[in-house]
Amino acid sequence: MLYSFIFETIIFLGIGVIIFILARALPRIEDETTPPVSQKNKLMRVIQNIPLDKTDDVIKLAIHKTLRKTKIIINKADNLVTEKMKAVRPDSKKKDGTGIPM
């Protein structure tokens, strides 16, 4: 029993000395006063400077113009196909005898 008490005392003193040495060494570690400028910080700064309201308006306008031009192209293609269909089948208003066009 006496031996275990001595053994435990030595272990706790050793742990205490280790903690004391670490506590004295901590102040020697230099704190960085200015964080290094990383790519992530530069990217975040650039993103924060983007005027999102104006950008949103420009994107909406560009999409609107693109959709209008696409609609015009589709309508022209539809007219072209319709004209080709009329040229291929000029008698498209056939009647089957009931008076109703097919």
PDB file of N, CA and C in Angstrom:
ATOM      1  N   MET A   1       0.817  -1.185   0.000  1.00  0.00           N
ATOM      2  CA  MET A   1       0.000   0.000   0.000  1.00  0.00           C
ATOM      3  C   MET A   1       0.863   1.252   0.000  1.00  0.00           C
ATOM      4  N   LEU A   2       1.906   1.250   0.745  1.00  0.00           N
ATOM      5  CA  LEU A   2       2.818   2.391   0.790  1.00  0.00           C
ATOM      6  C   LEU A   2       3.496   2.574  -0.564  1.00  0.00           C
ATOM      7  N   TYR A   3       3.798   1.436  -1.209  1.00  0.00           N
ATOM      8  CA  TYR A   3       4.471   1.515  -2.500  1.00  0.00           C
ATOM      9  C   TYR A   3       3.540   2.096  -3.577  1.00  0.00           C
ATOM     10  N   SER A   4       2.283   1.744  -3.524  1.00  0.00           N
ATOM     11  CA  SER A   4       1.360   2.291  -4.521  1.00  0.00           C
ATOM     12  C   SER A   4       1.155   3.795  -4.309  1.00  0.00           C
ATOM     13  N   PHE A   5       1.161   4.249  -3.058  1.00  0.00           N
ATOM     14  CA  PHE A   5       1.031   5.676  -2.771  1.00  0.00           C
ATOM     15  C   PHE A   5       2.223   6.447  -3.330  1.00  0.00           C
ATOM     16  N   ILE A   6       3.415   5.900  -3.154  1.00  0.00           N
ATOM     17  CA  ILE A   6       4.633   6.542  -3.662  1.00  0.00           C
ATOM     18  C   ILE A   6       4.604   6.552  -5.199  1.00  0.00           C
ATOM     19  N   PHE A   7       4.197   5.433  -5.788  1.00  0.00           N
ATOM     20  CA  PHE A   7       4.117   5.331  -7.244  1.00  0.00           C
ATOM     21  C   PHE A   7       3.127   6.345  -7.815  1.00  0.00           C
ATOM     22  N   GLU A   8       1.957   6.462  -7.191  1.00  0.00           N
ATOM     23  CA  GLU A   8       0.939   7.419  -7.660  1.00  0.00           C
ATOM     24  C   GLU A   8       1.428   8.852  -7.498  1.00  0.00           C
ATOM     25  N   THR A   9       2.102   9.146  -6.416  1.00  0.00           N
ATOM     26  CA  THR A   9       2.633  10.489  -6.172  1.00  0.00           C
ATOM     27  C   THR A   9       3.659  10.859  -7.241  1.00  0.00           C
ATOM     28  N   ILE A  10       4.532   9.925  -7.594  1.00  0.00           N
ATOM     29  CA  ILE A  10       5.546  10.187  -8.617  1.00  0.00           C
ATOM     30  C   ILE A  10       4.881  10.444  -9.974  1.00  0.00           C
ATOM     31  N   ILE A  11       3.864   9.653 -10.305  1.00  0.00           N
ATOM     32  CA  ILE A  11       3.168   9.838 -11.587  1.00  0.00           C
ATOM     33  C   ILE A  11       2.498  11.209 -11.641  1.00  0.00           C
ATOM     34  N   PHE A  12       1.786  11.596 -10.590  1.00  0.00           N
ATOM     35  CA  PHE A  12       1.103  12.899 -10.595  1.00  0.00           C
ATOM     36  C   PHE A  12       2.085  14.054 -10.589  1.00  0.00           C
ATOM     37  N   LEU A  13       3.231  13.919  -9.908  1.00  0.00           N
ATOM     38  CA  LEU A  13       4.256  14.964  -9.949  1.00  0.00           C
ATOM     39  C   LEU A  13       4.825  15.092 -11.364  1.00  0.00           C
ATOM     40  N   GLY A  14       5.023  13.945 -12.030  1.00  0.00           N
ATOM     41  CA  GLY A  14       5.533  13.965 -13.403  1.00  0.00           C
ATOM     42  C   GLY A  14       4.545  14.666 -14.342  1.00  0.00           C
ATOM     43  N   ILE A  15       3.265  14.354 -14.166  1.00  0.00           N
ATOM     44  CA  ILE A  15       2.239  15.011 -14.988  1.00  0.00           C
ATOM     45  C   ILE A  15       2.207  16.511 -14.698  1.00  0.00           C
ATOM     46  N   GLY A  16       2.352  16.864 -13.419  1.00  0.00           N
ATOM     47  CA  GLY A  16       2.369  18.284 -13.053  1.00  0.00           C
ATOM     48  C   GLY A  16       3.553  19.008 -13.657  1.00  0.00           C
ATOM     49  N   VAL A  17       4.729  18.375 -13.665  1.00  0.00           N
ATOM     50  CA  VAL A  17       5.921  18.993 -14.252  1.00  0.00           C
ATOM     51  C   VAL A  17       5.731  19.175 -15.757  1.00  0.00           C
ATOM     52  N   ILE A  18       5.159  18.167 -16.412  1.00  0.00           N
ATOM     53  CA  ILE A  18       4.924  18.281 -17.856  1.00  0.00           C
ATOM     54  C   ILE A  18       3.974  19.438 -18.160  1.00  0.00           C
ATOM     55  N   ILE A  19       2.895  19.558 -17.391  1.00  0.00           N
ATOM     56  CA  ILE A  19       1.945  20.658 -17.594  1.00  0.00           C
ATOM     57  C   ILE A  19       2.626  21.997 -17.320  1.00  0.00           C
ATOM     58  N   PHE A  20       3.473  22.068 -16.309  1.00  0.00           N
ATOM     59  CA  PHE A  20       4.184  23.307 -15.984  1.00  0.00           C
ATOM     60  C   PHE A  20       5.112  23.707 -17.129  1.00  0.00           C
ATOM     61  N   ILE A  21       5.831  22.748 -17.690  1.00  0.00           N
ATOM     62  CA  ILE A  21       6.749  23.044 -18.797  1.00  0.00           C
ATOM     63  C   ILE A  21       5.978  23.502 -20.033  1.00  0.00           C
ATOM     64  N   LEU A  22       4.862  22.843 -20.326  1.00  0.00           N
ATOM     65  CA  LEU A  22       4.046  23.259 -21.469  1.00  0.00           C
ATOM     66  C   LEU A  22       3.467  24.654 -21.262  1.00  0.00           C
ATOM     67  N   ALA A  23       3.046  24.963 -20.031  1.00  0.00           N
ATOM     68  CA  ALA A  23       2.466  26.279 -19.753  1.00  0.00           C
ATOM     69  C   ALA A  23       3.515  27.374 -19.910  1.00  0.00           C
ATOM     70  N   ARG A  24       4.755  27.078 -19.562  1.00  0.00           N
ATOM     71  CA  ARG A  24       5.809  28.076 -19.724  1.00  0.00           C
ATOM     72  C   ARG A  24       6.201  28.236 -21.188  1.00  0.00           C
ATOM     73  N   ALA A  25       6.043  27.187 -21.985  1.00  0.00           N
ATOM     74  CA  ALA A  25       6.442  27.247 -23.394  1.00  0.00           C
ATOM     75  C   ALA A  25       5.377  27.929 -24.249  1.00  0.00           C
ATOM     76  N   LEU A  26       4.136  27.926 -23.829  1.00  0.00           N
ATOM     77  CA  LEU A  26       3.066  28.505 -24.632  1.00  0.00           C
ATOM     78  C   LEU A  26       3.255  29.984 -24.949  1.00  0.00           C
ATOM     79  N   PRO A  27       3.643  30.827 -23.999  1.00  0.00           N
ATOM     80  CA  PRO A  27       3.805  32.240 -24.343  1.00  0.00           C
ATOM     81  C   PRO A  27       4.902  32.486 -25.382  1.00  0.00           C
ATOM     82  N   ARG A  28       5.818  31.554 -25.555  1.00  0.00           N
ATOM     83  CA  ARG A  28       6.878  31.733 -26.542  1.00  0.00           C
ATOM     84  C   ARG A  28       6.361  31.561 -27.965  1.00  0.00           C
ATOM     85  N   ILE A  29       5.223  30.936 -28.124  1.00  0.00           N
ATOM     86  CA  ILE A  29       4.650  30.770 -29.453  1.00  0.00           C
ATOM     87  C   ILE A  29       4.112  32.121 -29.897  1.00  0.00           C
ATOM     88  N   GLU A  30       4.571  32.570 -31.060  1.00  0.00           N
ATOM     89  CA  GLU A  30       4.185  33.895 -31.532  1.00  0.00           C
ATOM     90  C   GLU A  30       2.798  33.852 -32.159  1.00  0.00           C
ATOM     91  N   ASP A  31       1.991  34.820 -31.768  1.00  0.00           N
ATOM     92  CA  ASP A  31       0.685  34.965 -32.394  1.00  0.00           C
ATOM     93  C   ASP A  31       0.859  35.780 -33.665  1.00  0.00           C
ATOM     94  N   GLU A  32       0.216  35.319 -34.727  1.00  0.00           N
ATOM     95  CA  GLU A  32       0.278  36.070 -35.972  1.00  0.00           C
ATOM     96  C   GLU A  32      -0.683  37.251 -35.865  1.00  0.00           C
ATOM     97  N   THR A  33      -0.145  38.447 -35.983  1.00  0.00           N
ATOM     98  CA  THR A  33      -0.991  39.630 -35.850  1.00  0.00           C
ATOM     99  C   THR A  33      -1.823  39.855 -37.108  1.00  0.00           C
ATOM    100  N   THR A  34      -1.243  39.596 -38.271  1.00  0.00           N
ATOM    101  CA  THR A  34      -1.984  39.741 -39.518  1.00  0.00           C
ATOM    102  C   THR A  34      -2.039  38.377 -40.207  1.00  0.00           C
ATOM    103  N   PRO A  35      -3.223  37.923 -40.479  1.00  0.00           N
ATOM    104  CA  PRO A  35      -3.309  36.626 -41.154  1.00  0.00           C
ATOM    105  C   PRO A  35      -2.767  36.741 -42.577  1.00  0.00           C
ATOM    106  N   PRO A  36      -2.107  35.707 -43.035  1.00  0.00           N
ATOM    107  CA  PRO A  36      -1.588  35.771 -44.401  1.00  0.00           C
ATOM    108  C   PRO A  36      -2.740  35.840 -45.403  1.00  0.00           C
ATOM    109  N   VAL A  37      -2.521  36.602 -46.458  1.00  0.00           N
ATOM    110  CA  VAL A  37      -3.551  36.770 -47.469  1.00  0.00           C
ATOM    111  C   VAL A  37      -3.536  35.525 -48.353  1.00  0.00           C
ATOM    112  N   SER A  38      -4.582  34.761 -48.248  1.00  0.00           N
ATOM    113  CA  SER A  38      -4.654  33.537 -49.041  1.00  0.00           C
ATOM    114  C   SER A  38      -5.560  33.759 -50.241  1.00  0.00           C
ATOM    115  N   GLN A  39      -5.580  32.774 -51.111  1.00  0.00           N
ATOM    116  CA  GLN A  39      -6.433  32.863 -52.292  1.00  0.00           C
ATOM    117  C   GLN A  39      -7.898  32.944 -51.898  1.00  0.00           C
ATOM    118  N   LYS A  40      -8.255  32.230 -50.809  1.00  0.00           N
ATOM    119  CA  LYS A  40      -9.648  32.235 -50.368  1.00  0.00           C
ATOM    120  C   LYS A  40     -10.055  33.642 -49.905  1.00  0.00           C
ATOM    121  N   ASN A  41      -9.176  34.310 -49.170  1.00  0.00           N
ATOM    122  CA  ASN A  41      -9.489  35.673 -48.706  1.00  0.00           C
ATOM    123  C   ASN A  41      -9.624  36.634 -49.883  1.00  0.00           C
ATOM    124  N   LYS A  42      -8.752  36.497 -50.871  1.00  0.00           N
ATOM    125  CA  LYS A  42      -8.837  37.368 -52.040  1.00  0.00           C
ATOM    126  C   LYS A  42     -10.137  37.120 -52.791  1.00  0.00           C
ATOM    127  N   LEU A  43     -10.482  35.838 -52.921  1.00  0.00           N
ATOM    128  CA  LEU A  43     -11.716  35.490 -53.622  1.00  0.00           C
ATOM    129  C   LEU A  43     -12.935  36.033 -52.885  1.00  0.00           C
ATOM    130  N   MET A  44     -12.959  35.912 -51.578  1.00  0.00           N
ATOM    131  CA  MET A  44     -14.094  36.423 -50.792  1.00  0.00           C
ATOM    132  C   MET A  44     -14.201  37.938 -50.925  1.00  0.00           C
ATOM    133  N   ARG A  45     -13.068  38.626 -50.944  1.00  0.00           N
ATOM    134  CA  ARG A  45     -13.087  40.082 -51.076  1.00  0.00           C
ATOM    135  C   ARG A  45     -13.631  40.485 -52.441  1.00  0.00           C
ATOM    136  N   VAL A  46     -13.237  39.757 -53.489  1.00  0.00           N
ATOM    137  CA  VAL A  46     -13.729  40.056 -54.836  1.00  0.00           C
ATOM    138  C   VAL A  46     -15.224  39.804 -54.919  1.00  0.00           C
ATOM    139  N   ILE A  47     -15.676  38.694 -54.336  1.00  0.00           N
ATOM    140  CA  ILE A  47     -17.102  38.357 -54.368  1.00  0.00           C
ATOM    141  C   ILE A  47     -17.926  39.404 -53.621  1.00  0.00           C
ATOM    142  N   GLN A  48     -17.420  39.910 -52.530  1.00  0.00           N
ATOM    143  CA  GLN A  48     -18.153  40.907 -51.753  1.00  0.00           C
ATOM    144  C   GLN A  48     -18.267  42.236 -52.494  1.00  0.00           C
ATOM    145  N   ASN A  49     -17.350  42.516 -53.412  1.00  0.00           N
ATOM    146  CA  ASN A  49     -17.373  43.786 -54.139  1.00  0.00           C
ATOM    147  C   ASN A  49     -18.241  43.750 -55.391  1.00  0.00           C
ATOM    148  N   ILE A  50     -18.812  42.590 -55.724  1.00  0.00           N
ATOM    149  CA  ILE A  50     -19.642  42.484 -56.923  1.00  0.00           C
ATOM    150  C   ILE A  50     -21.015  43.105 -56.646  1.00  0.00           C
ATOM    151  N   PRO A  51     -21.473  44.038 -57.485  1.00  0.00           N
ATOM    152  CA  PRO A  51     -22.810  44.616 -57.297  1.00  0.00           C
ATOM    153  C   PRO A  51     -23.875  43.637 -57.809  1.00  0.00           C
ATOM    154  N   LEU A  52     -24.441  42.857 -56.916  1.00  0.00           N
ATOM    155  CA  LEU A  52     -25.345  41.784 -57.304  1.00  0.00           C
ATOM    156  C   LEU A  52     -26.653  42.298 -57.892  1.00  0.00           C
ATOM    157  N   ASP A  53     -27.146  43.439 -57.448  1.00  0.00           N
ATOM    158  CA  ASP A  53     -28.397  43.976 -57.992  1.00  0.00           C
ATOM    159  C   ASP A  53     -28.250  44.307 -59.479  1.00  0.00           C
ATOM    160  N   LYS A  54     -27.180  45.000 -59.818  1.00  0.00           N
ATOM    161  CA  LYS A  54     -26.958  45.370 -61.213  1.00  0.00           C
ATOM    162  C   LYS A  54     -26.684  44.122 -62.056  1.00  0.00           C
ATOM    163  N   THR A  55     -25.931  43.210 -61.507  1.00  0.00           N
ATOM    164  CA  THR A  55     -25.620  41.970 -62.227  1.00  0.00           C
ATOM    165  C   THR A  55     -26.882  41.181 -62.513  1.00  0.00           C
ATOM    166  N   ASP A  56     -27.780  41.122 -61.549  1.00  0.00           N
ATOM    167  CA  ASP A  56     -29.041  40.406 -61.734  1.00  0.00           C
ATOM    168  C   ASP A  56     -29.862  41.042 -62.852  1.00  0.00           C
ATOM    169  N   ASP A  57     -29.924  42.365 -62.877  1.00  0.00           N
ATOM    170  CA  ASP A  57     -30.668  43.057 -63.939  1.00  0.00           C
ATOM    171  C   ASP A  57     -30.062  42.790 -65.314  1.00  0.00           C
ATOM    172  N   VAL A  58     -28.742  42.804 -65.408  1.00  0.00           N
ATOM    173  CA  VAL A  58     -28.068  42.557 -66.684  1.00  0.00           C
ATOM    174  C   VAL A  58     -28.337  41.127 -67.158  1.00  0.00           C
ATOM    175  N   ILE A  59     -28.292  40.175 -66.243  1.00  0.00           N
ATOM    176  CA  ILE A  59     -28.545  38.776 -66.609  1.00  0.00           C
ATOM    177  C   ILE A  59     -29.984  38.594 -67.075  1.00  0.00           C
ATOM    178  N   LYS A  60     -30.932  39.207 -66.377  1.00  0.00           N
ATOM    179  CA  LYS A  60     -32.340  39.108 -66.788  1.00  0.00           C
ATOM    180  C   LYS A  60     -32.552  39.712 -68.173  1.00  0.00           C
ATOM    181  N   LEU A  61     -31.924  40.845 -68.449  1.00  0.00           N
ATOM    182  CA  LEU A  61     -32.051  41.488 -69.759  1.00  0.00           C
ATOM    183  C   LEU A  61     -31.451  40.618 -70.860  1.00  0.00           C
ATOM    184  N   ALA A  62     -30.297  40.023 -70.590  1.00  0.00           N
ATOM    185  CA  ALA A  62     -29.654  39.167 -71.588  1.00  0.00           C
ATOM    186  C   ALA A  62     -30.503  37.930 -71.867  1.00  0.00           C
ATOM    187  N   ILE A  63     -31.075  37.343 -70.833  1.00  0.00           N
ATOM    188  CA  ILE A  63     -31.935  36.174 -71.015  1.00  0.00           C
ATOM    189  C   ILE A  63     -33.171  36.557 -71.821  1.00  0.00           C
ATOM    190  N   HIS A  64     -33.753  37.714 -71.512  1.00  0.00           N
ATOM    191  CA  HIS A  64     -34.944  38.179 -72.234  1.00  0.00           C
ATOM    192  C   HIS A  64     -34.636  38.355 -73.724  1.00  0.00           C
ATOM    193  N   LYS A  65     -33.524  39.003 -74.040  1.00  0.00           N
ATOM    194  CA  LYS A  65     -33.155  39.220 -75.434  1.00  0.00           C
ATOM    195  C   LYS A  65     -32.899  37.891 -76.149  1.00  0.00           C
ATOM    196  N   THR A  66     -32.229  36.985 -75.463  1.00  0.00           N
ATOM    197  CA  THR A  66     -31.927  35.685 -76.067  1.00  0.00           C
ATOM    198  C   THR A  66     -33.201  34.911 -76.346  1.00  0.00           C
ATOM    199  N   LEU A  67     -34.138  34.940 -75.418  1.00  0.00           N
ATOM    200  CA  LEU A  67     -35.393  34.225 -75.618  1.00  0.00           C
ATOM    201  C   LEU A  67     -36.215  34.840 -76.752  1.00  0.00           C
ATOM    202  N   ARG A  68     -36.202  36.161 -76.877  1.00  0.00           N
ATOM    203  CA  ARG A  68     -36.924  36.806 -77.982  1.00  0.00           C
ATOM    204  C   ARG A  68     -36.338  36.404 -79.327  1.00  0.00           C
ATOM    205  N   LYS A  69     -35.001  36.411 -79.425  1.00  0.00           N
ATOM    206  CA  LYS A  69     -34.353  36.021 -80.675  1.00  0.00           C
ATOM    207  C   LYS A  69     -34.619  34.556 -80.988  1.00  0.00           C
ATOM    208  N   THR A  70     -34.614  33.714 -79.953  1.00  0.00           N
ATOM    209  CA  THR A  70     -34.903  32.296 -80.153  1.00  0.00           C
ATOM    210  C   THR A  70     -36.325  32.107 -80.643  1.00  0.00           C
ATOM    211  N   LYS A  71     -37.263  32.872 -80.095  1.00  0.00           N
ATOM    212  CA  LYS A  71     -38.656  32.786 -80.534  1.00  0.00           C
ATOM    213  C   LYS A  71     -38.794  33.176 -82.000  1.00  0.00           C
ATOM    214  N   ILE A  72     -38.097  34.229 -82.407  1.00  0.00           N
ATOM    215  CA  ILE A  72     -38.147  34.672 -83.797  1.00  0.00           C
ATOM    216  C   ILE A  72     -37.586  33.594 -84.722  1.00  0.00           C
ATOM    217  N   ILE A  73     -36.478  32.992 -84.343  1.00  0.00           N
ATOM    218  CA  ILE A  73     -35.867  31.938 -85.164  1.00  0.00           C
ATOM    219  C   ILE A  73     -36.809  30.739 -85.275  1.00  0.00           C
ATOM    220  N   ILE A  74     -37.443  30.368 -84.162  1.00  0.00           N
ATOM    221  CA  ILE A  74     -38.373  29.237 -84.176  1.00  0.00           C
ATOM    222  C   ILE A  74     -39.579  29.553 -85.063  1.00  0.00           C
ATOM    223  N   ASN A  75     -40.095  30.776 -84.974  1.00  0.00           N
ATOM    224  CA  ASN A  75     -41.227  31.165 -85.832  1.00  0.00           C
ATOM    225  C   ASN A  75     -40.850  31.147 -87.311  1.00  0.00           C
ATOM    226  N   LYS A  76     -39.647  31.620 -87.646  1.00  0.00           N
ATOM    227  CA  LYS A  76     -39.198  31.586 -89.032  1.00  0.00           C
ATOM    228  C   LYS A  76     -39.063  30.147 -89.514  1.00  0.00           C
ATOM    229  N   ALA A  77     -38.520  29.280 -88.661  1.00  0.00           N
ATOM    230  CA  ALA A  77     -38.391  27.874 -89.041  1.00  0.00           C
ATOM    231  C   ALA A  77     -39.762  27.238 -89.221  1.00  0.00           C
ATOM    232  N   ASP A  78     -40.711  27.587 -88.351  1.00  0.00           N
ATOM    233  CA  ASP A  78     -42.072  27.062 -88.471  1.00  0.00           C
ATOM    234  C   ASP A  78     -42.710  27.517 -89.785  1.00  0.00           C
ATOM    235  N   ASN A  79     -42.549  28.774 -90.145  1.00  0.00           N
ATOM    236  CA  ASN A  79     -43.091  29.287 -91.411  1.00  0.00           C
ATOM    237  C   ASN A  79     -42.452  28.579 -92.607  1.00  0.00           C
ATOM    238  N   LEU A  80     -41.149  28.340 -92.528  1.00  0.00           N
ATOM    239  CA  LEU A  80     -40.461  27.649 -93.610  1.00  0.00           C
ATOM    240  C   LEU A  80     -40.988  26.221 -93.770  1.00  0.00           C
ATOM    241  N   VAL A  81     -41.155  25.525 -92.655  1.00  0.00           N
ATOM    242  CA  VAL A  81     -41.676  24.156 -92.706  1.00  0.00           C
ATOM    243  C   VAL A  81     -43.105  24.154 -93.234  1.00  0.00           C
ATOM    244  N   THR A  82     -43.901  25.101 -92.816  1.00  0.00           N
ATOM    245  CA  THR A  82     -45.286  25.184 -93.296  1.00  0.00           C
ATOM    246  C   THR A  82     -45.320  25.410 -94.798  1.00  0.00           C
ATOM    247  N   GLU A  83     -44.481  26.294 -95.322  1.00  0.00           N
ATOM    248  CA  GLU A  83     -44.424  26.548 -96.758  1.00  0.00           C
ATOM    249  C   GLU A  83     -43.977  25.296 -97.507  1.00  0.00           C
ATOM    250  N   LYS A  84     -43.007  24.574 -96.968  1.00  0.00           N
ATOM    251  CA  LYS A  84     -42.545  23.338 -97.615  1.00  0.00           C
ATOM    252  C   LYS A  84     -43.645  22.286 -97.625  1.00  0.00           C
ATOM    253  N   MET A  85     -44.421  22.233 -96.544  1.00  0.00           N
ATOM    254  CA  MET A  85     -45.524  21.272 -96.475  1.00  0.00           C
ATOM    255  C   MET A  85     -46.595  21.616 -97.498  1.00  0.00           C
ATOM    256  N   LYS A  86     -46.874  22.902 -97.668  1.00  0.00           N
ATOM    257  CA  LYS A  86     -47.864  23.323 -98.663  1.00  0.00           C
ATOM    258  C   LYS A  86     -47.382  22.998-100.072  1.00  0.00           C
ATOM    259  N   ALA A  87     -46.078  23.123-100.313  1.00  0.00           N
ATOM    260  CA  ALA A  87     -45.533  22.834-101.639  1.00  0.00           C
ATOM    261  C   ALA A  87     -45.599  21.345-101.941  1.00  0.00           C
ATOM    262  N   VAL A  88     -45.428  20.525-100.948  1.00  0.00           N
ATOM    263  CA  VAL A  88     -45.453  19.080-101.161  1.00  0.00           C
ATOM    264  C   VAL A  88     -46.871  18.590-101.357  1.00  0.00           C
ATOM    265  N   ARG A  89     -47.821  19.139-100.642  1.00  0.00           N
ATOM    266  CA  ARG A  89     -49.209  18.683-100.691  1.00  0.00           C
ATOM    267  C   ARG A  89     -50.122  19.897-100.898  1.00  0.00           C
ATOM    268  N   PRO A  90     -50.284  20.333-102.122  1.00  0.00           N
ATOM    269  CA  PRO A  90     -51.089  21.536-102.361  1.00  0.00           C
ATOM    270  C   PRO A  90     -52.576  21.316-102.143  1.00  0.00           C
ATOM    271  N   ASP A  91     -53.058  20.087-102.250  1.00  0.00           N
ATOM    272  CA  ASP A  91     -54.487  19.828-102.058  1.00  0.00           C
ATOM    273  C   ASP A  91     -54.760  19.343-100.631  1.00  0.00           C
ATOM    274  N   SER A  92     -54.226  20.063 -99.658  1.00  0.00           N
ATOM    275  CA  SER A  92     -54.356  19.639 -98.268  1.00  0.00           C
ATOM    276  C   SER A  92     -55.771  19.834 -97.729  1.00  0.00           C
ATOM    277  N   LYS A  93     -56.648  20.521 -98.485  1.00  0.00           N
ATOM    278  CA  LYS A  93     -58.005  20.735 -98.002  1.00  0.00           C
ATOM    279  C   LYS A  93     -58.968  19.774 -98.707  1.00  0.00           C
ATOM    280  N   LYS A  94     -58.591  18.509 -98.720  1.00  0.00           N
ATOM    281  CA  LYS A  94     -59.452  17.492 -99.321  1.00  0.00           C
ATOM    282  C   LYS A  94     -60.694  17.313 -98.478  1.00  0.00           C
ATOM    283  N   LYS A  95     -61.756  16.939 -99.136  1.00  0.00           N
ATOM    284  CA  LYS A  95     -62.981  16.666 -98.424  1.00  0.00           C
ATOM    285  C   LYS A  95     -63.313  15.208 -98.656  1.00  0.00           C
ATOM    286  N   ASP A  96     -63.808  14.543 -97.629  1.00  0.00           N
ATOM    287  CA  ASP A  96     -64.110  13.129 -97.754  1.00  0.00           C
ATOM    288  C   ASP A  96     -65.579  12.874 -98.098  1.00  0.00           C
ATOM    289  N   GLY A  97     -66.235  13.847 -98.581  1.00  0.00           N
ATOM    290  CA  GLY A  97     -67.622  13.687 -98.976  1.00  0.00           C
ATOM    291  C   GLY A  97     -68.606  14.178 -97.930  1.00  0.00           C
ATOM    292  N   THR A  98     -68.130  14.379 -96.690  1.00  0.00           N
ATOM    293  CA  THR A  98     -69.032  14.861 -95.645  1.00  0.00           C
ATOM    294  C   THR A  98     -69.025  16.370 -95.576  1.00  0.00           C
ATOM    295  N   GLY A  99     -68.128  17.001 -96.282  1.00  0.00           N
ATOM    296  CA  GLY A  99     -68.066  18.457 -96.244  1.00  0.00           C
ATOM    297  C   GLY A  99     -67.119  18.962 -95.157  1.00  0.00           C
ATOM    298  N   ILE A 100     -66.516  18.041 -94.406  1.00  0.00           N
ATOM    299  CA  ILE A 100     -65.605  18.428 -93.336  1.00  0.00           C
ATOM    300  C   ILE A 100     -64.163  18.243 -93.848  1.00  0.00           C
ATOM    301  N   PRO A 101     -63.327  19.262 -93.776  1.00  0.00           N
ATOM    302  CA  PRO A 101     -61.941  19.119 -94.230  1.00  0.00           C
ATOM    303  C   PRO A 101     -61.196  18.133 -93.339  1.00  0.00           C
ATOM    304  N   MET A 102     -60.325  17.389 -93.930  1.00  0.00           N
ATOM    305  CA  MET A 102     -59.540  16.397 -93.154  1.00  0.00           C
ATOM    306  C   MET A 102     -58.360  17.045 -92.506  1.00  0.00           C
TER     307      MET A 102
END
